[in-house]
Amino acid sequence: MPDRWATFDCYGTLIDWDGGVGDTLTRLWPGEDRDRLLARYHEIEPAVQEGRALPYRDVLAVTLRRLADEAGLELGPGDEGAFADSLPSWPPFPEVPDALRSLRDRGWRIGILSNTDPDLLAASLASIGVPVDVTVTAAEAGSYKPALGHWMRFREMVVLTSSPHVHVGASVFHDIAPSEELGIPAVWINRLGETSDLPRAAELPDLERLPDTLDRLVPAQVQ
């Protein structure tokens, strides 16, 4: 019987990425407008990643340096590593461990497709505390989402054949758009209340109802 696969983005979907980045920005520059810096960070990082295979630690450092230079802010000695140093402590969203645990109990297999380095992802998954079956980072994919390398590498690692596959992500840019391009049903975890015209199989505000939603999209009896 074919397995049911749910692949996930990690940062922003499972781990509170905005909270982690924002807290680090506030620690570096406590008097600055956190929301403004965070919004600009969102714009700079994809430009640093595009068409390159830099380790994610380097992406974080280059993005922070560009943000500081653009805003006229100072970085102290060692500050360029602030994001990578703090990332392992960024917490999962509260409902995430129970939701992933429920999926495993229902027979779903779980993959993580993440724009990060293997050691950083391992630390984040340890904080979630639920085992996963497969991980693909930018290091293994050779590219950063929304490029399709993560999905191609996942397909190389897992022989899907007739196995159902649903992708789950919080970012329209990084996850929902490439899923649509590949014809993979996607569940948008719309934590920020955004809008998009892109098709998706389902839309949820968080992962609390995800196990029931995935069971509805791919009933267990199809196995």
Foldseek 3Di string as FASTA:
>chain_A
DFAAEEEEEPDPFFFPNLVLVLVLVCVQPVVDDSVVLSVVLVVQLVVLFPPALDAVQVSQLVSVVVSCVVVVHDDDVPSSSSSVVCLLVGATDPQRLVLVVVLVVLRYAYEYEYAHDPVSVVSHVVRSPDDHDYYHYSNNQVGAPVPCSSVVVVCVVDVRPPHAYEYEYQDCRGPQVSCVVVVHAYEHCPCPPDDDPRDHLYYHVHSNCVSVSVCVVPPPVVD
